[in-house]
């Protein structure tokens, strides 16, 4: 019996263009909106930076979480905002 693959199997994968996350090509759209030589060079440098980031194993959301963790510090205080008492008897 042949098992068919679901068409939804790869729906949650991030799209890739030439091995780089598709979000890395967003600077090209900005460069196309404002076509100057320096904007295309900045967009090219951004794509190279995204490529190097992918080679190290980071994606854009993971990099943003790592930066947030560096800025916040390693200590996370115990209670969330919805657990704090707002009204006192």
PDB file of N, CA and C in Angstrom:
ATOM      1  N   UNK A   1       0.842  -1.178   0.000  1.00  0.00           N
ATOM      2  CA  UNK A   1       0.000   0.000   0.000  1.00  0.00           C
ATOM      3  C   UNK A   1       0.884   1.236   0.000  1.00  0.00           C
ATOM      4  N   UNK A   2       0.641   2.139  -0.904  1.00  0.00           N
ATOM      5  CA  UNK A   2       1.426   3.362  -1.022  1.00  0.00           C
ATOM      6  C   UNK A   2       0.803   4.472  -0.174  1.00  0.00           C
ATOM      7  N   UNK A   3       1.611   5.092   0.681  1.00  0.00           N
ATOM      8  CA  UNK A   3       1.140   6.170   1.543  1.00  0.00           C
ATOM      9  C   UNK A   3       1.397   7.496   0.841  1.00  0.00           C
ATOM     10  N   UNK A   4       0.357   8.298   0.726  1.00  0.00           N
ATOM     11  CA  UNK A   4       0.499   9.602   0.080  1.00  0.00           C
ATOM     12  C   UNK A   4       1.029  10.627   1.066  1.00  0.00           C
ATOM     13  N   UNK A   5       1.887  11.511   0.590  1.00  0.00           N
ATOM     14  CA  UNK A   5       2.382  12.610   1.415  1.00  0.00           C
ATOM     15  C   UNK A   5       1.335  13.707   1.490  1.00  0.00           C
ATOM     16  N   UNK A   6       1.208  14.290   2.638  1.00  0.00           N
ATOM     17  CA  UNK A   6       0.257  15.374   2.819  1.00  0.00           C
ATOM     18  C   UNK A   6       0.789  16.643   2.155  1.00  0.00           C
ATOM     19  N   UNK A   7      -0.099  17.415   1.570  1.00  0.00           N
ATOM     20  CA  UNK A   7       0.332  18.658   0.946  1.00  0.00           C
ATOM     21  C   UNK A   7       0.653  19.720   1.992  1.00  0.00           C
ATOM     22  N   UNK A   8       0.239  19.508   3.237  1.00  0.00           N
ATOM     23  CA  UNK A   8       0.461  20.484   4.299  1.00  0.00           C
ATOM     24  C   UNK A   8       1.723  20.203   5.087  1.00  0.00           C
ATOM     25  N   UNK A   9       2.468  19.184   4.707  1.00  0.00           N
ATOM     26  CA  UNK A   9       3.627  18.772   5.486  1.00  0.00           C
ATOM     27  C   UNK A   9       4.679  19.876   5.594  1.00  0.00           C
ATOM     28  N   UNK A  10       4.953  20.574   4.521  1.00  0.00           N
ATOM     29  CA  UNK A  10       6.001  21.586   4.507  1.00  0.00           C
ATOM     30  C   UNK A  10       5.452  23.003   4.647  1.00  0.00           C
ATOM     31  N   UNK A  11       4.228  23.146   5.106  1.00  0.00           N
ATOM     32  CA  UNK A  11       3.609  24.471   5.181  1.00  0.00           C
ATOM     33  C   UNK A  11       4.258  25.360   6.228  1.00  0.00           C
ATOM     34  N   UNK A  12       4.853  24.793   7.264  1.00  0.00           N
ATOM     35  CA  UNK A  12       5.419  25.627   8.318  1.00  0.00           C
ATOM     36  C   UNK A  12       6.911  25.917   8.113  1.00  0.00           C
ATOM     37  N   UNK A  13       7.508  25.384   7.073  1.00  0.00           N
ATOM     38  CA  UNK A  13       8.920  25.653   6.824  1.00  0.00           C
ATOM     39  C   UNK A  13       9.103  27.080   6.313  1.00  0.00           C
ATOM     40  N   UNK A  14      10.221  27.684   6.681  1.00  0.00           N
ATOM     41  CA  UNK A  14      10.483  29.037   6.204  1.00  0.00           C
ATOM     42  C   UNK A  14      10.951  28.978   4.762  1.00  0.00           C
ATOM     43  N   UNK A  15      10.464  29.883   3.920  1.00  0.00           N
ATOM     44  CA  UNK A  15      10.897  29.864   2.516  1.00  0.00           C
ATOM     45  C   UNK A  15      12.350  30.277   2.394  1.00  0.00           C
ATOM     46  N   UNK A  16      13.057  29.649   1.470  1.00  0.00           N
ATOM     47  CA  UNK A  16      14.477  29.919   1.258  1.00  0.00           C
ATOM     48  C   UNK A  16      14.721  30.226  -0.207  1.00  0.00           C
ATOM     49  N   UNK A  17      15.598  31.186  -0.433  1.00  0.00           N
ATOM     50  CA  UNK A  17      16.029  31.535  -1.780  1.00  0.00           C
ATOM     51  C   UNK A  17      17.537  31.387  -1.798  1.00  0.00           C
ATOM     52  N   UNK A  18      18.034  30.475  -2.607  1.00  0.00           N
ATOM     53  CA  UNK A  18      19.462  30.164  -2.710  1.00  0.00           C
ATOM     54  C   UNK A  18      20.074  29.848  -1.346  1.00  0.00           C
ATOM     55  N   UNK A  19      19.353  29.141  -0.502  1.00  0.00           N
ATOM     56  CA  UNK A  19      19.880  28.705   0.778  1.00  0.00           C
ATOM     57  C   UNK A  19      19.809  29.715   1.900  1.00  0.00           C
ATOM     58  N   UNK A  20      19.304  30.896   1.626  1.00  0.00           N
ATOM     59  CA  UNK A  20      19.201  31.945   2.647  1.00  0.00           C
ATOM     60  C   UNK A  20      17.725  32.169   2.945  1.00  0.00           C
ATOM     61  N   UNK A  21      17.419  32.422   4.209  1.00  0.00           N
ATOM     62  CA  UNK A  21      16.051  32.711   4.611  1.00  0.00           C
ATOM     63  C   UNK A  21      15.515  33.871   3.774  1.00  0.00           C
ATOM     64  N   UNK A  22      14.278  33.748   3.312  1.00  0.00           N
ATOM     65  CA  UNK A  22      13.706  34.743   2.404  1.00  0.00           C
ATOM     66  C   UNK A  22      13.590  36.116   3.052  1.00  0.00           C
ATOM     67  N   UNK A  23      13.517  36.181   4.386  1.00  0.00           N
ATOM     68  CA  UNK A  23      13.462  37.485   5.053  1.00  0.00           C
ATOM     69  C   UNK A  23      14.765  38.251   4.897  1.00  0.00           C
ATOM     70  N   UNK A  24      15.832  37.555   4.564  1.00  0.00           N
ATOM     71  CA  UNK A  24      17.119  38.210   4.370  1.00  0.00           C
ATOM     72  C   UNK A  24      17.178  39.057   3.114  1.00  0.00           C
ATOM     73  N   UNK A  25      16.248  38.848   2.190  1.00  0.00           N
ATOM     74  CA  UNK A  25      16.228  39.617   0.956  1.00  0.00           C
ATOM     75  C   UNK A  25      15.361  40.861   1.043  1.00  0.00           C
ATOM     76  N   UNK A  26      14.830  41.163   2.195  1.00  0.00           N
ATOM     77  CA  UNK A  26      14.010  42.361   2.371  1.00  0.00           C
ATOM     78  C   UNK A  26      14.773  43.657   2.067  1.00  0.00           C
ATOM     79  N   UNK A  27      16.076  43.757   2.394  1.00  0.00           N
ATOM     80  CA  UNK A  27      16.790  44.996   2.036  1.00  0.00           C
ATOM     81  C   UNK A  27      16.822  45.280   0.540  1.00  0.00           C
ATOM     82  N   UNK A  28      16.714  44.248  -0.298  1.00  0.00           N
ATOM     83  CA  UNK A  28      16.669  44.474  -1.744  1.00  0.00           C
ATOM     84  C   UNK A  28      15.400  45.245  -2.118  1.00  0.00           C
ATOM     85  N   UNK A  29      14.286  44.940  -1.438  1.00  0.00           N
ATOM     86  CA  UNK A  29      13.052  45.681  -1.723  1.00  0.00           C
ATOM     87  C   UNK A  29      13.201  47.158  -1.377  1.00  0.00           C
ATOM     88  N   UNK A  30      13.894  47.432  -0.288  1.00  0.00           N
ATOM     89  CA  UNK A  30      14.142  48.827   0.079  1.00  0.00           C
ATOM     90  C   UNK A  30      15.051  49.485  -0.954  1.00  0.00           C
ATOM     91  N   UNK A  31      16.054  48.750  -1.419  1.00  0.00           N
ATOM     92  CA  UNK A  31      16.965  49.300  -2.426  1.00  0.00           C
ATOM     93  C   UNK A  31      16.244  49.530  -3.751  1.00  0.00           C
ATOM     94  N   UNK A  32      15.268  48.709  -4.074  1.00  0.00           N
ATOM     95  CA  UNK A  32      14.501  48.938  -5.306  1.00  0.00           C
ATOM     96  C   UNK A  32      13.583  50.152  -5.178  1.00  0.00           C
ATOM     97  N   UNK A  33      13.155  50.453  -3.983  1.00  0.00           N
ATOM     98  CA  UNK A  33      12.323  51.635  -3.768  1.00  0.00           C
ATOM     99  C   UNK A  33      13.143  52.924  -3.868  1.00  0.00           C
ATOM    100  N   UNK A  34      14.380  52.855  -3.397  1.00  0.00           N
ATOM    101  CA  UNK A  34      15.265  54.019  -3.416  1.00  0.00           C
ATOM    102  C   UNK A  34      16.545  53.624  -4.163  1.00  0.00           C
ATOM    103  N   UNK A  35      16.522  53.597  -5.480  1.00  0.00           N
ATOM    104  CA  UNK A  35      17.645  53.045  -6.250  1.00  0.00           C
ATOM    105  C   UNK A  35      18.858  53.977  -6.314  1.00  0.00           C
ATOM    106  N   UNK A  36      19.788  53.709  -5.448  1.00  0.00           N
ATOM    107  CA  UNK A  36      21.085  54.383  -5.457  1.00  0.00           C
ATOM    108  C   UNK A  36      22.147  53.310  -5.314  1.00  0.00           C
ATOM    109  N   UNK A  37      23.341  53.648  -5.674  1.00  0.00           N
ATOM    110  CA  UNK A  37      24.422  52.657  -5.600  1.00  0.00           C
ATOM    111  C   UNK A  37      24.694  52.249  -4.159  1.00  0.00           C
ATOM    112  N   UNK A  38      24.637  53.205  -3.252  1.00  0.00           N
ATOM    113  CA  UNK A  38      24.954  52.861  -1.863  1.00  0.00           C
ATOM    114  C   UNK A  38      23.856  52.021  -1.228  1.00  0.00           C
ATOM    115  N   UNK A  39      22.578  52.191  -1.626  1.00  0.00           N
ATOM    116  CA  UNK A  39      21.529  51.350  -1.050  1.00  0.00           C
ATOM    117  C   UNK A  39      21.655  49.911  -1.539  1.00  0.00           C
ATOM    118  N   UNK A  40      22.050  49.725  -2.811  1.00  0.00           N
ATOM    119  CA  UNK A  40      22.267  48.362  -3.290  1.00  0.00           C
ATOM    120  C   UNK A  40      23.472  47.723  -2.610  1.00  0.00           C
ATOM    121  N   UNK A  41      24.504  48.524  -2.319  1.00  0.00           N
ATOM    122  CA  UNK A  41      25.662  47.955  -1.627  1.00  0.00           C
ATOM    123  C   UNK A  41      25.322  47.608  -0.175  1.00  0.00           C
ATOM    124  N   UNK A  42      24.522  48.442   0.482  1.00  0.00           N
ATOM    125  CA  UNK A  42      24.092  48.127   1.848  1.00  0.00           C
ATOM    126  C   UNK A  42      23.201  46.886   1.849  1.00  0.00           C
ATOM    127  N   UNK A  43      22.328  46.776   0.843  1.00  0.00           N
ATOM    128  CA  UNK A  43      21.473  45.592   0.740  1.00  0.00           C
ATOM    129  C   UNK A  43      22.318  44.343   0.490  1.00  0.00           C
ATOM    130  N   UNK A  44      23.341  44.454  -0.348  1.00  0.00           N
ATOM    131  CA  UNK A  44      24.239  43.319  -0.582  1.00  0.00           C
ATOM    132  C   UNK A  44      24.983  42.914   0.675  1.00  0.00           C
ATOM    133  N   UNK A  45      25.445  43.910   1.443  1.00  0.00           N
ATOM    134  CA  UNK A  45      26.110  43.602   2.710  1.00  0.00           C
ATOM    135  C   UNK A  45      25.154  42.956   3.711  1.00  0.00           C
ATOM    136  N   UNK A  46      23.907  43.397   3.710  1.00  0.00           N
ATOM    137  CA  UNK A  46      22.914  42.790   4.603  1.00  0.00           C
ATOM    138  C   UNK A  46      22.650  41.341   4.221  1.00  0.00           C
ATOM    139  N   UNK A  47      22.594  41.050   2.931  1.00  0.00           N
ATOM    140  CA  UNK A  47      22.380  39.676   2.489  1.00  0.00           C
ATOM    141  C   UNK A  47      23.572  38.804   2.853  1.00  0.00           C
ATOM    142  N   UNK A  48      24.777  39.336   2.706  1.00  0.00           N
ATOM    143  CA  UNK A  48      25.974  38.589   3.118  1.00  0.00           C
ATOM    144  C   UNK A  48      25.948  38.357   4.623  1.00  0.00           C
ATOM    145  N   UNK A  49      25.499  39.353   5.383  1.00  0.00           N
ATOM    146  CA  UNK A  49      25.407  39.184   6.838  1.00  0.00           C
ATOM    147  C   UNK A  49      24.382  38.107   7.193  1.00  0.00           C
ATOM    148  N   UNK A  50      23.253  38.088   6.489  1.00  0.00           N
ATOM    149  CA  UNK A  50      22.254  37.038   6.725  1.00  0.00           C
ATOM    150  C   UNK A  50      22.804  35.664   6.351  1.00  0.00           C
ATOM    151  N   UNK A  51      23.596  35.596   5.282  1.00  0.00           N
ATOM    152  CA  UNK A  51      24.198  34.324   4.890  1.00  0.00           C
ATOM    153  C   UNK A  51      25.162  33.829   5.972  1.00  0.00           C
ATOM    154  N   UNK A  52      25.999  34.725   6.478  1.00  0.00           N
ATOM    155  CA  UNK A  52      26.936  34.337   7.532  1.00  0.00           C
ATOM    156  C   UNK A  52      26.200  33.948   8.811  1.00  0.00           C
ATOM    157  N   UNK A  53      25.116  34.641   9.082  1.00  0.00           N
ATOM    158  CA  UNK A  53      24.310  34.315  10.247  1.00  0.00           C
ATOM    159  C   UNK A  53      23.703  32.913  10.102  1.00  0.00           C
ATOM    160  N   UNK A  54      23.247  32.572   8.902  1.00  0.00           N
ATOM    161  CA  UNK A  54      22.695  31.239   8.648  1.00  0.00           C
ATOM    162  C   UNK A  54      23.769  30.166   8.796  1.00  0.00           C
ATOM    163  N   UNK A  55      24.988  30.486   8.383  1.00  0.00           N
ATOM    164  CA  UNK A  55      26.080  29.515   8.501  1.00  0.00           C
ATOM    165  C   UNK A  55      26.430  29.231   9.962  1.00  0.00           C
ATOM    166  N   UNK A  56      26.236  30.218  10.830  1.00  0.00           N
ATOM    167  CA  UNK A  56      26.488  30.012  12.254  1.00  0.00           C
ATOM    168  C   UNK A  56      25.333  29.327  12.956  1.00  0.00           C
ATOM    169  N   UNK A  57      24.203  29.150  12.267  1.00  0.00           N
ATOM    170  CA  UNK A  57      23.073  28.450  12.840  1.00  0.00           C
ATOM    171  C   UNK A  57      21.983  29.350  13.391  1.00  0.00           C
ATOM    172  N   UNK A  58      22.070  30.636  13.157  1.00  0.00           N
ATOM    173  CA  UNK A  58      21.046  31.563  13.621  1.00  0.00           C
ATOM    174  C   UNK A  58      20.049  31.842  12.508  1.00  0.00           C
ATOM    175  N   UNK A  59      18.809  32.031  12.906  1.00  0.00           N
ATOM    176  CA  UNK A  59      17.822  32.604  12.001  1.00  0.00           C
ATOM    177  C   UNK A  59      17.497  33.991  12.554  1.00  0.00           C
ATOM    178  N   UNK A  60      16.725  34.760  11.837  1.00  0.00           N
ATOM    179  CA  UNK A  60      16.428  36.116  12.282  1.00  0.00           C
ATOM    180  C   UNK A  60      15.697  36.143  13.625  1.00  0.00           C
ATOM    181  N   UNK A  61      14.655  35.325  13.843  1.00  0.00           N
ATOM    182  CA  UNK A  61      14.001  35.350  15.161  1.00  0.00           C
ATOM    183  C   UNK A  61      14.924  34.883  16.284  1.00  0.00           C
ATOM    184  N   UNK A  62      15.770  33.898  16.008  1.00  0.00           N
ATOM    185  CA  UNK A  62      16.700  33.411  17.035  1.00  0.00           C
ATOM    186  C   UNK A  62      17.730  34.481  17.357  1.00  0.00           C
ATOM    187  N   UNK A  63      18.206  35.192  16.344  1.00  0.00           N
ATOM    188  CA  UNK A  63      19.162  36.275  16.586  1.00  0.00           C
ATOM    189  C   UNK A  63      18.531  37.382  17.413  1.00  0.00           C
ATOM    190  N   UNK A  64      17.268  37.725  17.122  1.00  0.00           N
ATOM    191  CA  UNK A  64      16.602  38.767  17.907  1.00  0.00           C
ATOM    192  C   UNK A  64      16.412  38.333  19.358  1.00  0.00           C
ATOM    193  N   UNK A  65      16.093  37.050  19.574  1.00  0.00           N
ATOM    194  CA  UNK A  65      15.976  36.552  20.948  1.00  0.00           C
ATOM    195  C   UNK A  65      17.314  36.580  21.660  1.00  0.00           C
ATOM    196  N   UNK A  66      18.399  36.254  20.953  1.00  0.00           N
ATOM    197  CA  UNK A  66      19.729  36.277  21.563  1.00  0.00           C
ATOM    198  C   UNK A  66      20.129  37.704  21.932  1.00  0.00           C
ATOM    199  N   UNK A  67      19.818  38.664  21.071  1.00  0.00           N
ATOM    200  CA  UNK A  67      20.121  40.066  21.377  1.00  0.00           C
ATOM    201  C   UNK A  67      19.301  40.535  22.570  1.00  0.00           C
ATOM    202  N   UNK A  68      18.007  40.165  22.603  1.00  0.00           N
ATOM    203  CA  UNK A  68      17.157  40.541  23.729  1.00  0.00           C
ATOM    204  C   UNK A  68      17.656  39.928  25.021  1.00  0.00           C
ATOM    205  N   UNK A  69      18.122  38.689  24.961  1.00  0.00           N
ATOM    206  CA  UNK A  69      18.660  38.029  26.145  1.00  0.00           C
ATOM    207  C   UNK A  69      19.928  38.732  26.632  1.00  0.00           C
ATOM    208  N   UNK A  70      20.777  39.163  25.699  1.00  0.00           N
ATOM    209  CA  UNK A  70      21.996  39.893  26.072  1.00  0.00           C
ATOM    210  C   UNK A  70      21.668  41.222  26.732  1.00  0.00           C
ATOM    211  N   UNK A  71      20.675  41.924  26.194  1.00  0.00           N
ATOM    212  CA  UNK A  71      20.304  43.217  26.757  1.00  0.00           C
ATOM    213  C   UNK A  71      19.605  43.072  28.106  1.00  0.00           C
ATOM    214  N   UNK A  72      18.775  42.043  28.239  1.00  0.00           N
ATOM    215  CA  UNK A  72      18.001  41.849  29.450  1.00  0.00           C
ATOM    216  C   UNK A  72      18.857  41.321  30.584  1.00  0.00           C
ATOM    217  N   UNK A  73      19.780  40.427  30.288  1.00  0.00           N
ATOM    218  CA  UNK A  73      20.571  39.788  31.321  1.00  0.00           C
ATOM    219  C   UNK A  73      20.081  38.380  31.566  1.00  0.00           C
ATOM    220  N   UNK A  74      20.789  37.651  32.378  1.00  0.00           N
ATOM    221  CA  UNK A  74      20.448  36.247  32.557  1.00  0.00           C
ATOM    222  C   UNK A  74      19.426  36.013  33.665  1.00  0.00           C
ATOM    223  N   UNK A  75      19.169  37.019  34.499  1.00  0.00           N
ATOM    224  CA  UNK A  75      18.208  36.854  35.584  1.00  0.00           C
ATOM    225  C   UNK A  75      16.840  37.332  35.122  1.00  0.00           C
ATOM    226  N   UNK A  76      15.867  36.451  35.193  1.00  0.00           N
ATOM    227  CA  UNK A  76      14.493  36.806  34.871  1.00  0.00           C
ATOM    228  C   UNK A  76      13.708  36.739  36.173  1.00  0.00           C
ATOM    229  N   UNK A  77      13.072  37.831  36.545  1.00  0.00           N
ATOM    230  CA  UNK A  77      12.386  37.885  37.819  1.00  0.00           C
ATOM    231  C   UNK A  77      11.119  37.042  37.787  1.00  0.00           C
ATOM    232  N   UNK A  78      10.726  36.578  38.963  1.00  0.00           N
ATOM    233  CA  UNK A  78       9.802  35.478  39.129  1.00  0.00           C
ATOM    234  C   UNK A  78       8.379  35.611  38.665  1.00  0.00           C
ATOM    235  N   UNK A  79       7.738  36.713  38.786  1.00  0.00           N
ATOM    236  CA  UNK A  79       6.304  36.753  38.525  1.00  0.00           C
ATOM    237  C   UNK A  79       5.986  37.569  37.293  1.00  0.00           C
ATOM    238  N   UNK A  80       5.029  37.097  36.534  1.00  0.00           N
ATOM    239  CA  UNK A  80       4.567  37.821  35.365  1.00  0.00           C
ATOM    240  C   UNK A  80       3.661  38.971  35.800  1.00  0.00           C
ATOM    241  N   UNK A  81       3.386  39.872  34.894  1.00  0.00           N
ATOM    242  CA  UNK A  81       2.622  41.067  35.261  1.00  0.00           C
ATOM    243  C   UNK A  81       1.200  40.728  35.670  1.00  0.00           C
ATOM    244  N   UNK A  82       0.632  39.641  35.140  1.00  0.00           N
ATOM    245  CA  UNK A  82      -0.759  39.336  35.469  1.00  0.00           C
ATOM    246  C   UNK A  82      -0.903  38.645  36.827  1.00  0.00           C
ATOM    247  N   UNK A  83       0.195  38.271  37.457  1.00  0.00           N
ATOM    248  CA  UNK A  83       0.134  37.658  38.776  1.00  0.00           C
ATOM    249  C   UNK A  83       0.319  38.673  39.913  1.00  0.00           C
ATOM    250  N   UNK A  84       0.694  39.877  39.589  1.00  0.00           N
ATOM    251  CA  UNK A  84       0.892  40.884  40.633  1.00  0.00           C
ATOM    252  C   UNK A  84      -0.452  41.361  41.170  1.00  0.00           C
ATOM    253  N   UNK A  85      -0.491  41.617  42.452  1.00  0.00           N
ATOM    254  CA  UNK A  85      -1.719  42.150  43.058  1.00  0.00           C
ATOM    255  C   UNK A  85      -1.806  43.636  42.767  1.00  0.00           C
ATOM    256  N   UNK A  86      -2.908  44.049  42.208  1.00  0.00           N
ATOM    257  CA  UNK A  86      -3.080  45.460  41.885  1.00  0.00           C
ATOM    258  C   UNK A  86      -3.877  46.217  42.941  1.00  0.00           C
ATOM    259  N   UNK A  87      -4.733  45.501  43.628  1.00  0.00           N
ATOM    260  CA  UNK A  87      -5.595  46.143  44.610  1.00  0.00           C
ATOM    261  C   UNK A  87      -5.326  45.520  45.974  1.00  0.00           C
ATOM    262  N   UNK A  88      -5.199  46.342  46.952  1.00  0.00           N
ATOM    263  CA  UNK A  88      -4.917  45.860  48.291  1.00  0.00           C
ATOM    264  C   UNK A  88      -6.150  46.055  49.166  1.00  0.00           C
ATOM    265  N   UNK A  89      -6.389  45.106  50.034  1.00  0.00           N
ATOM    266  CA  UNK A  89      -7.562  45.189  50.937  1.00  0.00           C
ATOM    267  C   UNK A  89      -7.294  46.068  52.117  1.00  0.00           C
TER     268      UNK A  89
END
